Amino acid sequence: MVTGKPLSKVRQAYRFIEAHKNEFGIETMCRVLGVARSGYYSWLERPISDRAQEDARLFRHVRASFIASHGIYGAPRVHQDLRELGETCSRHRVGRLMRENGLRALHSYRTRHLPVAKPAALIPNLLQRRFTASRPNETWVTDITYIRTWQGWLYLAIVVDLFSRKVIGWATKPTIHKELVLEALKKAIQRRRTRKTLIHSDQGTQYGSDAWRRFCKANRLEPSMSRRGNCWDNAVAESFFSSLKKERIKKRIYASRDSAIAEIGEYIDGFYNAKRRHSHLGGISPDEFEAVHRRRR
């Protein structure tokens, strides 16, 4: 349970004594609880110390940041939020306030470790795990995942720009046919200008189809493909799906595909791209990272 005023164990003991002073002797309770009777009487004159009042004030900002992140921010990112507000407290203090009030960031899913696999026969692995880019639209990655609903599976395809880690295109469909990945890529192209842009995927049949290769060629995209069964070759896309499922889906089954699509859209466009602090980007969101890049040009 989240409280508004974090209390030390000593102050909790004083409050207990005050609440039960008509039932038990004050001296006895002080001895049992291991606190000084003089301290209790001093607390009666000034129940909350200046430090505790400051903790209570800071915690309101801590809780607001934690709630705004849907419970995914730990002390480092919450501390960054507070610094942007002009607060000068330490990260240690933020962590203490979160621990004392039961605020724990969600943990990620376990990553499967797979053996090294062979490269694709048709499309080589041009990315070679180089997950950084010096400019926008230099390298994109794409992948597919699935979400459970009571109406059946919902498949999600994404396109991510490695420069800013921004999801620049996404699409959902009840089937996993090539139209799914083509629609996500079309949306990315509508928002971006391509010129010899590398587009990296896994070895799914959708990405090895003639339609995919023709579309890439027509739009000045150069395909690249992971080795079979090796998730590390497309780690950035895998990382995004892990964040989505940890931070928003949380292993639930949606009532309908429409409700799942609405929540996915809000997460990608309303939170992940616009607000979510990304450690790879120095603790700012993809949108902010791109805005900084445009101002510097």
Foldseek 3Di string as FASTA:
>chain_A
DFDLFQDDLQLVLLVVCVVCVVPDPSVVSCVVSVHDSVVSVVCVVPVADPVRVVLSVVVVQLVVVCVVLLLADALVLSVVVVVVVVDDDDSVSSNVSCVSRVRDHFDFDDDDADDAFDADPPAAAPCQLPLEDPDWLQEKEKEKDWAAAPVAIKMKIFIATSHLRATQFMAIDRDDALVRNVRRVVSSVVVDQHALGEYEYEPDVSCVDPVNVVVCVVRRYRYHYGGPPGCSSRVSVVVVVRCCCRRPVVPDYHHDPVVVVVSVVCCRPVDQQQAAQDVVQVGGHSVVSVVVVVVVD
